[in-house]
Amino acid sequence: FLAVEIDPQRIAMRIKTRYLDVMETDLDAALAKVMKAKAQGQALSVGLVGNAADVIPELARRRVAVDVLTDQTSAHDPLTGYIPQGLSLEDAAKLRASDPQEYVRRAMASMAVHVRAMLDLQKQGAVTFDYGNNIRTMAFQAGVKDAYDFPGFVPAYIRPLFCEGKGPFRWAALSGEASDIHATDAAVLELFPKDKGLARWIKMAQERVAFQGLPARICWLGLGERAEMGLRINHMVAKGRLKAPIVIGRDHLDCGSVASPYRETEA
């Protein structure tokens, strides 16, 4: 896995919380690492310090064999969520403050370059999709008329789950104790023993996903299963099996939250 991020401090934080394995500042070195790991069948995530609007076109120019491609910049906010090409973080901050209109113009132009490169990689065989950040619309407005030739991830991947009544289920332990999440993990596995994908995720999350803030967990459950899990959590709290109550929240990907015409949309 290769992630492109312009802010090295953000990469360092993701390494600290185990969402990334290593940081690189050179594209050749980063590609060497991910291609070696791919050839050896090993899981490796590399954070490359760079601007996606520079790196993605270079990957397309080199015809790098990209399997899956998406973008998670905050492109829906061109003033504060996207760094234009040719600017350092410091220079971007100065331009944002001194001339916000010029900043947005340059950000939109960079998004156009970025999306054209995504389209090029799609033509070269990469499974390409919009992750719900409005970058296709921004690029379209900047002149990329075929920006919508790759799909949004909701209709491509999430809608079929909605059709089955499946959606995200997220909970956090108010006790602050990891043991409460481990207990609820065990409850999930006990309640839904036939869901092999769910079991694989829970076990992997226990090993690889670090808690940030209150210990929490998320998984996807089907029609009726979320209510069943909620009742089990209530029972565990009532019986004193948990050190404190559990907060259950909704994820931004449930079927009631993808009605925006621009972000995480069904369109």
Protein backbone atom coordinates (compact mmCIF):
# COMPACT_ATOMS: atom_id res chain seq x y z
CA PHE A 1 0.00 0.00 0.00
CA LEU A 2 1.36 3.41 -1.00
CA ALA A 3 -0.15 6.52 0.58
CA VAL A 4 0.86 9.99 -0.62
CA GLU A 5 0.71 12.72 2.04
CA ILE A 6 2.29 16.15 1.86
CA ASP A 7 2.61 16.63 5.62
CA PRO A 8 5.33 14.42 7.15
CA GLN A 9 3.93 14.98 10.64
CA ARG A 10 0.71 13.27 9.61
CA ILE A 11 2.63 10.30 8.27
CA ALA A 12 4.59 10.12 11.52
CA MET A 13 1.33 10.08 13.49
CA ARG A 14 -0.05 7.27 11.34
CA ILE A 15 3.10 5.25 11.94
CA LYS A 16 2.80 5.87 15.68
CA THR A 17 -0.79 4.60 15.66
CA ARG A 18 0.11 1.63 13.41
CA TYR A 19 -1.92 2.69 10.39
CA LEU A 20 1.32 2.93 8.40
CA ASP A 21 4.54 0.96 8.59
CA VAL A 22 7.24 3.24 7.17
CA MET A 23 7.83 6.73 5.77
CA GLU A 24 9.69 7.59 2.57
CA THR A 25 10.55 10.92 0.97
CA ASP A 26 11.66 9.50 -2.39
CA LEU A 27 9.26 7.94 -4.90
CA ASP A 28 11.79 5.43 -6.22
CA ALA A 29 12.55 4.18 -2.71
CA ALA A 30 8.85 3.99 -1.84
CA LEU A 31 8.02 2.04 -5.00
CA ALA A 32 10.92 -0.33 -4.42
CA LYS A 33 9.55 -1.16 -0.97
CA VAL A 34 5.94 -1.71 -2.03
CA MET A 35 6.84 -3.70 -5.13
CA LYS A 36 9.18 -5.95 -3.14
CA ALA A 37 6.47 -6.54 -0.55
CA LYS A 38 3.93 -7.27 -3.29
CA ALA A 39 6.25 -9.77 -4.96
CA GLN A 40 6.84 -11.52 -1.64
CA GLY A 41 3.15 -11.55 -0.73
CA GLN A 42 3.75 -9.43 2.36
CA ALA A 43 1.52 -6.69 3.76
CA LEU A 44 3.33 -3.33 3.91
CA SER A 45 2.08 0.24 4.02
CA VAL A 46 4.37 3.08 2.97
CA GLY A 47 3.69 6.78 3.51
CA LEU A 48 5.36 8.88 0.82
CA VAL A 49 5.90 12.57 1.54
CA GLY A 50 4.69 14.36 -1.57
CA ASN A 51 1.82 16.06 -3.35
CA ALA A 52 -0.66 13.62 -4.90
CA ALA A 53 -1.08 15.96 -7.88
CA ASP A 54 2.62 15.41 -8.60
CA VAL A 55 2.97 11.75 -7.65
CA ILE A 56 -0.12 10.28 -9.35
CA PRO A 57 0.77 11.72 -12.79
CA GLU A 58 4.30 10.36 -12.37
CA LEU A 59 2.94 6.90 -11.59
CA ALA A 60 0.85 7.10 -14.75
CA ARG A 61 3.81 8.32 -16.81
CA ARG A 62 5.90 5.39 -15.60
CA ARG A 63 2.98 3.01 -16.16
CA VAL A 64 3.38 1.62 -12.66
CA ALA A 65 1.14 -1.43 -12.19
CA VAL A 66 -1.37 0.06 -9.75
CA ASP A 67 -4.07 -2.39 -8.67
CA VAL A 68 -6.45 -0.10 -6.77
CA LEU A 69 -6.52 3.70 -6.70
CA THR A 70 -8.51 6.29 -4.80
CA ASP A 71 -8.04 9.70 -3.20
CA GLN A 72 -8.76 10.89 0.32
CA THR A 73 -7.71 14.52 0.21
CA SER A 74 -10.30 16.96 1.56
CA ALA A 75 -10.96 18.13 -1.98
CA HIS A 76 -14.49 19.22 -1.07
CA ASP A 77 -12.82 22.22 0.63
CA PRO A 78 -10.34 23.63 -1.90
CA LEU A 79 -9.20 26.43 0.40
CA THR A 80 -8.17 24.42 3.45
CA GLY A 81 -8.36 20.80 2.34
CA TYR A 82 -6.04 20.63 -0.66
CA ILE A 83 -2.46 21.83 -1.24
CA PRO A 84 -1.83 23.13 -4.78
CA GLN A 85 1.12 21.91 -6.79
CA GLY A 86 4.35 23.82 -6.34
CA LEU A 87 3.65 24.99 -2.80
CA SER A 88 5.18 23.84 0.46
CA LEU A 89 2.93 23.67 3.51
CA GLU A 90 4.36 26.99 4.69
CA ASP A 91 3.89 28.71 1.32
CA ALA A 92 0.38 27.31 1.05
CA ALA A 93 -0.53 28.78 4.43
CA LYS A 94 0.79 32.19 3.37
CA LEU A 95 -1.10 32.19 0.06
CA ARG A 96 -4.28 30.97 1.75
CA ALA A 97 -4.16 33.97 4.07
CA SER A 98 -3.04 36.59 1.55
CA ASP A 99 -5.02 35.62 -1.55
CA PRO A 100 -7.66 32.95 -0.94
CA GLN A 101 -9.16 33.30 -4.42
CA GLU A 102 -5.82 32.60 -6.07
CA TYR A 103 -5.29 29.71 -3.69
CA VAL A 104 -8.60 28.12 -4.69
CA ARG A 105 -7.83 28.67 -8.38
CA ARG A 106 -4.50 26.88 -8.03
CA ALA A 107 -6.03 24.10 -5.94
CA MET A 108 -8.72 23.48 -8.55
CA ALA A 109 -6.13 23.42 -11.33
CA SER A 110 -4.11 20.86 -9.37
CA MET A 111 -7.20 18.74 -8.82
CA ALA A 112 -7.71 18.70 -12.58
CA VAL A 113 -4.17 17.37 -13.05
CA HIS A 114 -4.73 14.88 -10.24
CA VAL A 115 -7.99 13.49 -11.67
CA ARG A 116 -6.63 13.30 -15.23
CA ALA A 117 -3.83 11.12 -13.85
CA MET A 118 -6.36 8.94 -12.01
CA LEU A 119 -8.20 8.50 -15.30
CA ASP A 120 -4.93 7.58 -17.02
CA LEU A 121 -4.17 4.93 -14.40
CA GLN A 122 -7.72 3.63 -14.72
CA LYS A 123 -7.15 3.17 -18.45
CA GLN A 124 -3.93 1.34 -17.60
CA GLY A 125 -5.88 -1.16 -15.50
CA ALA A 126 -6.18 0.30 -12.00
CA VAL A 127 -9.52 -0.17 -10.25
CA THR A 128 -10.22 3.51 -9.61
CA PHE A 129 -12.94 5.12 -7.52
CA ASP A 130 -13.86 8.37 -5.82
CA TYR A 131 -13.83 8.02 -2.04
CA GLY A 132 -16.57 10.59 -1.53
CA ASN A 133 -14.47 13.74 -1.27
CA ASN A 134 -15.94 15.58 -4.29
CA ILE A 135 -12.68 15.58 -6.25
CA ARG A 136 -14.46 14.51 -9.45
CA THR A 137 -16.81 17.49 -9.27
CA MET A 138 -13.96 19.88 -8.55
CA ALA A 139 -11.99 18.53 -11.51
CA PHE A 140 -15.07 18.70 -13.73
CA GLN A 141 -15.52 22.35 -12.81
CA ALA A 142 -11.84 22.87 -13.67
CA GLY A 143 -12.35 21.48 -17.16
CA VAL A 144 -11.99 17.69 -16.87
CA LYS A 145 -15.13 16.70 -18.77
CA ASP A 146 -14.65 12.95 -18.24
CA ALA A 147 -14.03 13.30 -14.50
CA TYR A 148 -17.01 11.05 -13.75
CA ASP A 149 -15.64 8.16 -15.80
CA PHE A 150 -14.59 6.47 -12.58
CA PRO A 151 -17.34 5.78 -10.04
CA GLY A 152 -17.96 6.91 -6.52
CA PHE A 153 -17.38 4.22 -3.93
CA VAL A 154 -20.92 4.27 -2.53
CA PRO A 155 -22.70 3.07 -5.70
CA ALA A 156 -19.75 0.86 -6.63
CA TYR A 157 -19.28 -0.94 -3.33
CA ILE A 158 -21.57 0.22 -0.53
CA ARG A 159 -24.99 0.26 -2.19
CA PRO A 160 -25.12 -3.56 -2.50
CA LEU A 161 -24.57 -3.78 1.26
CA PHE A 162 -27.37 -1.29 1.87
CA CYS A 163 -29.62 -3.48 -0.28
CA GLU A 164 -28.96 -6.31 2.18
CA GLY A 165 -29.67 -4.07 5.16
CA LYS A 166 -26.01 -4.00 6.17
CA GLY A 167 -24.45 -0.92 7.65
CA PRO A 168 -21.74 0.29 10.02
CA PHE A 169 -22.04 -0.18 13.76
CA ARG A 170 -19.64 1.74 15.99
CA TRP A 171 -19.21 1.83 19.74
CA ALA A 172 -16.81 3.34 22.30
CA ALA A 173 -15.96 2.39 25.88
CA LEU A 174 -16.64 5.25 28.29
CA SER A 175 -14.46 3.52 30.86
CA GLY A 176 -11.42 4.20 28.71
CA GLU A 177 -10.43 0.57 29.26
CA ALA A 178 -9.38 -1.57 26.31
CA SER A 179 -10.71 -4.60 28.17
CA ASP A 180 -14.28 -3.37 27.64
CA ILE A 181 -13.78 -3.34 23.87
CA HIS A 182 -12.16 -6.77 24.01
CA ALA A 183 -15.23 -8.03 25.87
CA THR A 184 -17.57 -6.60 23.24
CA ASP A 185 -15.35 -8.06 20.51
CA ALA A 186 -15.92 -11.46 22.07
CA ALA A 187 -19.66 -10.79 22.12
CA VAL A 188 -19.68 -9.96 18.40
CA LEU A 189 -17.86 -13.18 17.58
CA GLU A 190 -20.23 -15.17 19.78
CA LEU A 191 -23.40 -13.63 18.32
CA PHE A 192 -22.45 -13.99 14.65
CA PRO A 193 -20.24 -17.08 14.36
CA LYS A 194 -21.11 -17.73 10.71
CA ASP A 195 -19.86 -14.33 9.49
CA LYS A 196 -16.29 -15.21 8.54
CA GLY A 197 -15.51 -11.76 7.18
CA LEU A 198 -16.62 -10.16 10.43
CA ALA A 199 -14.51 -12.59 12.46
CA ARG A 200 -11.48 -11.90 10.29
CA TRP A 201 -11.91 -8.15 10.75
CA ILE A 202 -12.38 -8.27 14.53
CA LYS A 203 -9.33 -10.45 15.04
CA MET A 204 -7.19 -8.33 12.73
CA ALA A 205 -8.38 -5.10 14.35
CA GLN A 206 -7.38 -6.43 17.76
CA GLU A 207 -3.87 -7.06 16.50
CA ARG A 208 -3.25 -4.13 14.18
CA VAL A 209 -5.58 -1.18 14.84
CA ALA A 210 -4.47 1.10 17.66
CA PHE A 211 -7.04 2.92 19.76
CA GLN A 212 -7.11 6.71 19.51
CA GLY A 213 -8.88 8.52 22.33
CA LEU A 214 -11.51 6.30 23.92
CA PRO A 215 -11.15 2.62 22.97
CA ALA A 216 -13.62 1.96 20.17
CA ARG A 217 -14.57 -0.54 17.52
CA ILE A 218 -16.51 -0.52 14.27
CA CYS A 219 -17.89 -3.30 12.13
CA TRP A 220 -20.60 -3.88 9.54
CA LEU A 221 -23.70 -5.74 10.68
CA GLY A 222 -26.83 -6.79 8.82
CA LEU A 223 -30.53 -6.14 9.18
CA GLY A 224 -31.51 -6.82 12.78
CA GLU A 225 -27.97 -7.61 13.83
CA ARG A 226 -27.21 -4.10 15.05
CA ALA A 227 -30.24 -4.21 17.35
CA GLU A 228 -29.15 -7.64 18.57
CA MET A 229 -25.64 -6.39 19.33
CA GLY A 230 -27.01 -3.30 21.05
CA LEU A 231 -29.16 -5.44 23.33
CA ARG A 232 -26.18 -7.63 24.15
CA ILE A 233 -24.13 -4.56 25.11
CA ASN A 234 -26.98 -3.32 27.31
CA HIS A 235 -27.10 -6.71 29.00
CA MET A 236 -23.33 -6.70 29.58
CA VAL A 237 -23.50 -3.25 31.19
CA ALA A 238 -26.47 -4.25 33.37
CA LYS A 239 -24.70 -7.39 34.57
CA GLY A 240 -21.49 -5.55 35.41
CA ARG A 241 -19.45 -7.34 32.78
CA LEU A 242 -18.17 -3.96 31.57
CA LYS A 243 -16.50 -1.30 33.69
CA ALA A 244 -18.73 1.50 32.37
CA PRO A 245 -21.47 2.10 29.79
CA ILE A 246 -20.81 1.87 26.07
CA VAL A 247 -21.71 4.64 23.62
CA ILE A 248 -23.14 3.40 20.32
CA GLY A 249 -22.86 5.79 17.39
CA ARG A 250 -23.70 5.89 13.73
CA ASP A 251 -21.04 6.00 11.06
CA HIS A 252 -21.17 8.52 8.23
CA LEU A 253 -21.77 5.66 5.80
CA ASP A 254 -25.13 4.49 6.98
CA CYS A 255 -27.94 4.60 4.46
CA GLY A 256 -29.37 7.84 5.84
CA SER A 257 -26.22 9.89 5.39
CA VAL A 258 -25.28 9.51 1.73
CA ALA A 259 -27.88 11.90 0.35
CA SER A 260 -25.41 14.75 -0.20
CA PRO A 261 -25.13 15.61 -3.90
CA TYR A 262 -21.36 16.01 -3.59
CA ARG A 263 -19.81 14.02 -0.73
CA GLU A 264 -20.08 10.28 -0.01
CA THR A 265 -23.00 10.32 -2.36
CA GLU A 266 -25.13 7.72 -4.09
CA ALA A 267 -24.48 9.55 -7.38
